[in-house]
């Protein structure tokens, strides 16, 4: 628990230092004017993927992919997108913003998340039997889909992300 809490605090600190807990930066991203959020999140995604698979290779972690479906992905994306668009924070940046004292993130974000989670849990049984199961793809991962070794996929995606980040910088975004 202490390690998890420490990692969460470190993650929030790094989000703050990266500038992505600032409302204006996030709104700039949503308006496609400021790509700081994309830069930070894509960098974190690539580094996290490498770290997780290094830990897995060393026998220090096990992966347990959860089953998914297109229906659950669309519903989750809509909920995330509407909340992000209305509030101007995603869950990670919201908690980071609360950490530096943003009251809109605390009252609109944390309280809204708790209320939203409660409402979702009430309608989940109906959704779970219907739309959430549409297009079920099980525990399929990208390396399995592509029939490639996970390191091949990690490096290919990593190089693609680096190329995209360089393009963003060159374009001045």
Protein backbone atom coordinates (compact mmCIF):
# COMPACT_ATOMS: atom_id res chain seq x y z
CA UNK A 1 0.00 0.00 0.00
CA UNK A 2 2.80 2.40 0.86
CA UNK A 3 4.52 1.74 -2.47
CA UNK A 4 1.27 2.35 -4.35
CA UNK A 5 0.64 5.58 -2.45
CA UNK A 6 4.22 6.71 -3.07
CA UNK A 7 3.93 5.97 -6.80
CA UNK A 8 0.61 7.84 -6.94
CA UNK A 9 2.11 10.89 -5.25
CA UNK A 10 5.13 10.76 -7.58
CA UNK A 11 2.83 10.47 -10.61
CA UNK A 12 0.77 13.46 -9.45
CA UNK A 13 3.93 15.47 -8.83
CA UNK A 14 5.21 14.68 -12.32
CA UNK A 15 1.85 15.58 -13.87
CA UNK A 16 2.02 18.90 -12.05
CA UNK A 17 5.65 19.53 -13.10
CA UNK A 18 4.68 18.66 -16.68
CA UNK A 19 1.98 21.34 -16.56
CA UNK A 20 -0.91 19.01 -17.30
CA UNK A 21 -2.81 19.75 -14.10
CA UNK A 22 -3.41 23.32 -15.26
CA UNK A 23 -6.94 23.93 -16.55
CA UNK A 24 -5.74 26.25 -19.35
CA UNK A 25 -3.29 23.63 -20.63
CA UNK A 26 -6.00 20.96 -20.71
CA UNK A 27 -8.50 23.24 -22.45
CA UNK A 28 -5.75 24.16 -24.92
CA UNK A 29 -5.37 20.44 -25.65
CA UNK A 30 -9.11 19.99 -26.15
CA UNK A 31 -9.08 22.94 -28.55
CA UNK A 32 -6.01 21.47 -30.34
CA UNK A 33 -3.89 24.52 -29.51
CA UNK A 34 -1.55 23.15 -26.83
CA UNK A 35 -0.24 19.60 -27.14
CA UNK A 36 1.47 19.43 -23.73
CA UNK A 37 -1.00 16.80 -22.51
CA UNK A 38 -0.43 14.57 -25.55
CA UNK A 39 3.34 14.89 -25.17
CA UNK A 40 3.30 13.98 -21.48
CA UNK A 41 0.79 11.14 -21.79
CA UNK A 42 2.37 9.51 -24.85
CA UNK A 43 5.81 9.69 -23.22
CA UNK A 44 4.41 8.13 -20.04
CA UNK A 45 2.63 5.43 -22.04
CA UNK A 46 5.79 4.34 -23.86
CA UNK A 47 7.95 4.41 -20.73
CA UNK A 48 5.29 2.58 -18.72
CA UNK A 49 4.94 -0.13 -21.37
CA UNK A 50 8.71 -0.68 -21.44
CA UNK A 51 8.87 -0.75 -17.63
CA UNK A 52 6.00 -3.20 -17.24
CA UNK A 53 7.45 -5.63 -19.77
CA UNK A 54 10.92 -5.35 -18.22
CA UNK A 55 9.41 -6.23 -14.83
CA UNK A 56 7.48 -9.09 -16.46
CA UNK A 57 10.67 -10.37 -18.10
CA UNK A 58 12.48 -10.30 -14.75
CA UNK A 59 9.64 -12.26 -13.14
CA UNK A 60 8.68 -9.31 -10.92
CA UNK A 61 5.24 -8.75 -12.46
CA UNK A 62 2.47 -10.75 -14.06
CA UNK A 63 0.04 -9.38 -16.61
CA UNK A 64 -3.67 -10.14 -16.37
CA UNK A 65 -5.42 -8.50 -19.34
CA UNK A 66 -9.10 -7.89 -18.73
CA UNK A 67 -11.65 -8.91 -21.33
CA UNK A 68 -12.92 -6.09 -23.49
CA UNK A 69 -15.46 -5.25 -26.14
CA UNK A 70 -16.19 -2.48 -28.58
CA UNK A 71 -19.40 -1.69 -26.66
CA UNK A 72 -17.59 -1.18 -23.35
CA UNK A 73 -14.87 0.84 -25.08
CA UNK A 74 -17.41 3.17 -26.71
CA UNK A 75 -19.45 3.63 -23.51
CA UNK A 76 -16.29 4.20 -21.46
CA UNK A 77 -14.93 6.63 -24.05
CA UNK A 78 -18.18 8.59 -24.07
CA UNK A 79 -18.30 8.84 -20.28
CA UNK A 80 -14.62 9.84 -20.14
CA UNK A 81 -14.96 12.32 -23.01
CA UNK A 82 -18.08 14.04 -21.67
CA UNK A 83 -16.55 14.38 -18.21
CA UNK A 84 -13.25 15.60 -19.66
CA UNK A 85 -15.00 18.11 -21.91
CA UNK A 86 -17.29 19.47 -19.20
CA UNK A 87 -14.78 19.67 -16.37
CA UNK A 88 -11.52 20.11 -18.26
CA UNK A 89 -9.70 17.36 -16.34
CA UNK A 90 -9.19 13.65 -16.85
CA UNK A 91 -9.05 11.47 -13.70
CA UNK A 92 -5.26 11.69 -13.32
CA UNK A 93 -4.97 15.40 -13.95
CA UNK A 94 -8.01 16.01 -11.73
CA UNK A 95 -6.34 14.39 -8.72
CA UNK A 96 -3.09 16.20 -9.51
CA UNK A 97 -4.99 19.51 -9.68
CA UNK A 98 -6.63 18.77 -6.32
CA UNK A 99 -3.12 18.20 -4.96
CA UNK A 100 -2.13 21.76 -5.84
CA UNK A 101 -5.37 23.26 -4.54
CA UNK A 102 -7.75 23.53 -7.53
CA UNK A 103 -11.21 23.70 -5.97
CA UNK A 104 -12.97 23.12 -9.31
CA UNK A 105 -11.14 19.79 -9.58
CA UNK A 106 -12.05 18.91 -6.00
CA UNK A 107 -15.75 19.76 -6.06
CA UNK A 108 -16.55 19.29 -9.73
CA UNK A 109 -14.11 16.45 -10.31
CA UNK A 110 -13.85 14.31 -7.21
CA UNK A 111 -17.47 14.82 -6.14
CA UNK A 112 -18.64 14.39 -9.73
CA UNK A 113 -16.59 11.20 -10.09
CA UNK A 114 -18.11 9.73 -6.94
CA UNK A 115 -21.64 10.61 -8.05
CA UNK A 116 -20.96 9.34 -11.57
CA UNK A 117 -19.50 6.07 -10.30
CA UNK A 118 -22.56 5.57 -8.10
CA UNK A 119 -24.94 6.21 -10.98
CA UNK A 120 -22.96 3.94 -13.29
CA UNK A 121 -22.98 1.14 -10.72
CA UNK A 122 -26.78 1.39 -10.59
CA UNK A 123 -27.24 1.00 -14.36
CA UNK A 124 -24.29 -1.37 -14.87
CA UNK A 125 -26.31 -4.60 -14.58
CA UNK A 126 -28.54 -3.54 -17.49
CA UNK A 127 -25.61 -2.32 -19.59
CA UNK A 128 -23.54 -5.41 -18.81
CA UNK A 129 -26.17 -7.73 -20.27
CA UNK A 130 -26.50 -5.62 -23.40
CA UNK A 131 -24.36 -2.91 -24.93
CA UNK A 132 -21.19 -3.58 -22.92
CA UNK A 133 -20.89 -7.06 -24.47
CA UNK A 134 -21.27 -5.91 -28.09
CA UNK A 135 -18.18 -6.75 -30.15
CA UNK A 136 -16.55 -8.85 -27.41
CA UNK A 137 -12.85 -9.43 -28.13
CA UNK A 138 -11.94 -11.14 -24.86
CA UNK A 139 -8.44 -10.75 -23.42
CA UNK A 140 -6.85 -10.03 -26.79
CA UNK A 141 -3.74 -7.83 -26.64
CA UNK A 142 -2.12 -5.91 -29.49
CA UNK A 143 0.86 -8.32 -29.76
CA UNK A 144 -1.60 -11.25 -29.93
CA UNK A 145 -3.70 -9.48 -32.56
CA UNK A 146 -0.62 -8.77 -34.68
CA UNK A 147 0.86 -12.21 -33.92
CA UNK A 148 4.15 -10.58 -32.94
CA UNK A 149 6.45 -10.70 -29.94
CA UNK A 150 5.49 -8.00 -27.42
CA UNK A 151 8.92 -6.33 -27.73
CA UNK A 152 8.41 -5.92 -31.47
CA UNK A 153 5.12 -4.15 -30.83
CA UNK A 154 6.56 -2.03 -28.00
CA UNK A 155 9.47 -0.81 -30.13
CA UNK A 156 7.29 -0.23 -33.21
CA UNK A 157 4.73 1.76 -31.22
CA UNK A 158 7.52 3.54 -29.33
CA UNK A 159 9.23 4.62 -32.55
CA UNK A 160 5.88 5.75 -33.96
CA UNK A 161 5.22 7.81 -30.83
CA UNK A 162 8.69 9.37 -30.95
CA UNK A 163 8.19 10.26 -34.63
CA UNK A 164 4.80 11.79 -33.81
CA UNK A 165 6.24 13.79 -30.89
CA UNK A 166 9.06 15.09 -33.10
CA UNK A 167 6.50 16.10 -35.72
CA UNK A 168 4.45 17.95 -33.06
CA UNK A 169 7.57 19.83 -31.94
CA UNK A 170 8.58 20.68 -35.49
CA UNK A 171 5.04 21.92 -36.23
CA UNK A 172 5.25 24.11 -33.11
CA UNK A 173 2.22 22.55 -31.44
